[in-house]
Amino acid sequence: MMVDFDPTTPLDLDVQYYVNLMKGRGLLRSDQAMATDARTAAIVYRMAASSEAWSKRFLKAMIKLGRTNVLTKDQGEIRTNCRAFL
């Protein structure tokens, strides 16, 4: 069974995920905790309040992720099924 983290706009990359957290509608308990934890609540609020702020943070995260050194060939493996070792 598959479940969307954001059932409101599941096919869009937008702030709705954070808006849902602020409404107490997070899918995972750990995600919902971000909206109430003093260390992360302000970030959730900023992301929900500003599409521009969210877009900038998302872009930075994708650039950072793209710079990771992926192990390939004999050094690593790319799986089509993450639960199965080849």
C-alpha atoms as a PDB file:
ATOM      1  CA  MET A   1       0.000   0.000   0.000  1.00  0.00           C
ATOM      2  CA  MET A   2       1.272   3.449  -0.891  1.00  0.00           C
ATOM      3  CA  VAL A   3       0.342   6.607   0.989  1.00  0.00           C
ATOM      4  CA  ASP A   4       1.131  10.202   0.039  1.00  0.00           C
ATOM      5  CA  PHE A   5       3.020  12.277   2.586  1.00  0.00           C
ATOM      6  CA  ASP A   6       0.950  15.197   1.336  1.00  0.00           C
ATOM      7  CA  PRO A   7      -2.554  14.043   0.395  1.00  0.00           C
ATOM      8  CA  THR A   8      -3.637  17.620  -0.415  1.00  0.00           C
ATOM      9  CA  THR A   9      -1.235  18.212  -3.332  1.00  0.00           C
ATOM     10  CA  PRO A  10       0.554  14.866  -3.766  1.00  0.00           C
ATOM     11  CA  LEU A  11       1.892  15.589  -7.251  1.00  0.00           C
ATOM     12  CA  ASP A  12       3.223  19.085  -6.514  1.00  0.00           C
ATOM     13  CA  LEU A  13       6.448  20.182  -4.847  1.00  0.00           C
ATOM     14  CA  ASP A  14       5.074  22.919  -2.624  1.00  0.00           C
ATOM     15  CA  VAL A  15       4.637  24.098   0.966  1.00  0.00           C
ATOM     16  CA  GLN A  16       1.460  22.081   1.589  1.00  0.00           C
ATOM     17  CA  TYR A  17       3.376  19.375   3.472  1.00  0.00           C
ATOM     18  CA  TYR A  18       4.352  21.997   6.085  1.00  0.00           C
ATOM     19  CA  VAL A  19       0.877  23.537   6.101  1.00  0.00           C
ATOM     20  CA  ASN A  20      -0.494  20.078   6.884  1.00  0.00           C
ATOM     21  CA  LEU A  21       1.977  19.705   9.755  1.00  0.00           C
ATOM     22  CA  MET A  22       0.794  22.993  11.221  1.00  0.00           C
ATOM     23  CA  LYS A  23      -2.784  21.689  11.056  1.00  0.00           C
ATOM     24  CA  GLY A  24      -1.803  18.488  12.874  1.00  0.00           C
ATOM     25  CA  ARG A  25      -2.181  16.400   9.710  1.00  0.00           C
ATOM     26  CA  GLY A  26       1.308  14.928   9.363  1.00  0.00           C
ATOM     27  CA  LEU A  27       1.443  11.346   8.120  1.00  0.00           C
ATOM     28  CA  LEU A  28       4.278  10.191  10.362  1.00  0.00           C
ATOM     29  CA  ARG A  29       4.483  10.914  14.080  1.00  0.00           C
ATOM     30  CA  SER A  30       8.145  11.874  13.670  1.00  0.00           C
ATOM     31  CA  ASP A  31       7.241  14.420  10.973  1.00  0.00           C
ATOM     32  CA  GLN A  32       4.378  15.842  13.020  1.00  0.00           C
ATOM     33  CA  ALA A  33       6.749  16.305  15.945  1.00  0.00           C
ATOM     34  CA  MET A  34       8.682  18.872  13.897  1.00  0.00           C
ATOM     35  CA  ALA A  35       5.722  21.231  14.157  1.00  0.00           C
ATOM     36  CA  THR A  36       5.660  21.109  17.956  1.00  0.00           C
ATOM     37  CA  ASP A  37       9.313  20.659  18.896  1.00  0.00           C
ATOM     38  CA  ALA A  38      10.859  23.956  19.991  1.00  0.00           C
ATOM     39  CA  ARG A  39      13.987  23.183  17.952  1.00  0.00           C
ATOM     40  CA  THR A  40      12.131  22.837  14.631  1.00  0.00           C
ATOM     41  CA  ALA A  41       8.716  24.528  14.938  1.00  0.00           C
ATOM     42  CA  ALA A  42       9.999  27.864  13.602  1.00  0.00           C
ATOM     43  CA  ILE A  43      11.392  26.139  10.503  1.00  0.00           C
ATOM     44  CA  VAL A  44       8.053  24.414   9.862  1.00  0.00           C
ATOM     45  CA  TYR A  45       6.291  27.773  10.210  1.00  0.00           C
ATOM     46  CA  ARG A  46       8.714  29.503   7.792  1.00  0.00           C
ATOM     47  CA  MET A  47       8.369  26.738   5.215  1.00  0.00           C
ATOM     48  CA  ALA A  48       4.556  26.799   5.454  1.00  0.00           C
ATOM     49  CA  ALA A  49       4.395  30.579   5.259  1.00  0.00           C
ATOM     50  CA  SER A  50       6.641  31.199   2.268  1.00  0.00           C
ATOM     51  CA  SER A  51       6.820  29.379  -1.043  1.00  0.00           C
ATOM     52  CA  GLU A  52       9.935  31.380  -1.834  1.00  0.00           C
ATOM     53  CA  ALA A  53      11.716  30.353   1.372  1.00  0.00           C
ATOM     54  CA  TRP A  54      10.743  26.722   0.788  1.00  0.00           C
ATOM     55  CA  SER A  55      11.943  26.811  -2.831  1.00  0.00           C
ATOM     56  CA  LYS A  56      15.319  28.241  -1.822  1.00  0.00           C
ATOM     57  CA  ARG A  57      15.840  25.627   0.905  1.00  0.00           C
ATOM     58  CA  PHE A  58      14.740  22.819  -1.422  1.00  0.00           C
ATOM     59  CA  LEU A  59      17.114  23.988  -4.159  1.00  0.00           C
ATOM     60  CA  LYS A  60      20.048  24.134  -1.724  1.00  0.00           C
ATOM     61  CA  ALA A  61      19.232  20.643  -0.441  1.00  0.00           C
ATOM     62  CA  MET A  62      19.046  19.183  -3.970  1.00  0.00           C
ATOM     63  CA  ILE A  63      22.371  20.779  -4.925  1.00  0.00           C
ATOM     64  CA  LYS A  64      23.980  19.412  -1.763  1.00  0.00           C
ATOM     65  CA  LEU A  65      22.528  15.953  -2.404  1.00  0.00           C
ATOM     66  CA  GLY A  66      23.761  16.061  -5.983  1.00  0.00           C
ATOM     67  CA  ARG A  67      27.318  16.645  -4.778  1.00  0.00           C
ATOM     68  CA  THR A  68      27.462  13.436  -2.770  1.00  0.00           C
ATOM     69  CA  ASN A  69      29.791  10.839  -4.163  1.00  0.00           C
ATOM     70  CA  VAL A  70      27.641   7.913  -5.191  1.00  0.00           C
ATOM     71  CA  LEU A  71      29.495   4.616  -5.077  1.00  0.00           C
ATOM     72  CA  THR A  72      29.232   2.645  -8.300  1.00  0.00           C
ATOM     73  CA  LYS A  73      30.609  -0.489  -9.966  1.00  0.00           C
ATOM     74  CA  ASP A  74      32.776  -2.480  -7.516  1.00  0.00           C
ATOM     75  CA  GLN A  75      32.547   0.226  -4.822  1.00  0.00           C
ATOM     76  CA  GLY A  76      28.783   0.209  -4.411  1.00  0.00           C
ATOM     77  CA  GLU A  77      25.526  -0.918  -5.906  1.00  0.00           C
ATOM     78  CA  ILE A  78      22.399   0.623  -7.311  1.00  0.00           C
ATOM     79  CA  ARG A  79      19.331  -1.380  -6.362  1.00  0.00           C
ATOM     80  CA  THR A  80      16.032  -1.609  -8.160  1.00  0.00           C
ATOM     81  CA  ASN A  81      14.597  -3.104  -4.956  1.00  0.00           C
ATOM     82  CA  CYS A  82      16.055  -1.497  -1.821  1.00  0.00           C
ATOM     83  CA  ARG A  83      15.064  -4.495   0.325  1.00  0.00           C
ATOM     84  CA  ALA A  84      17.053  -7.014  -1.730  1.00  0.00           C
ATOM     85  CA  PHE A  85      20.808  -7.531  -1.776  1.00  0.00           C
ATOM     86  CA  LEU A  86      22.164  -8.695  -5.119  1.00  0.00           C
END
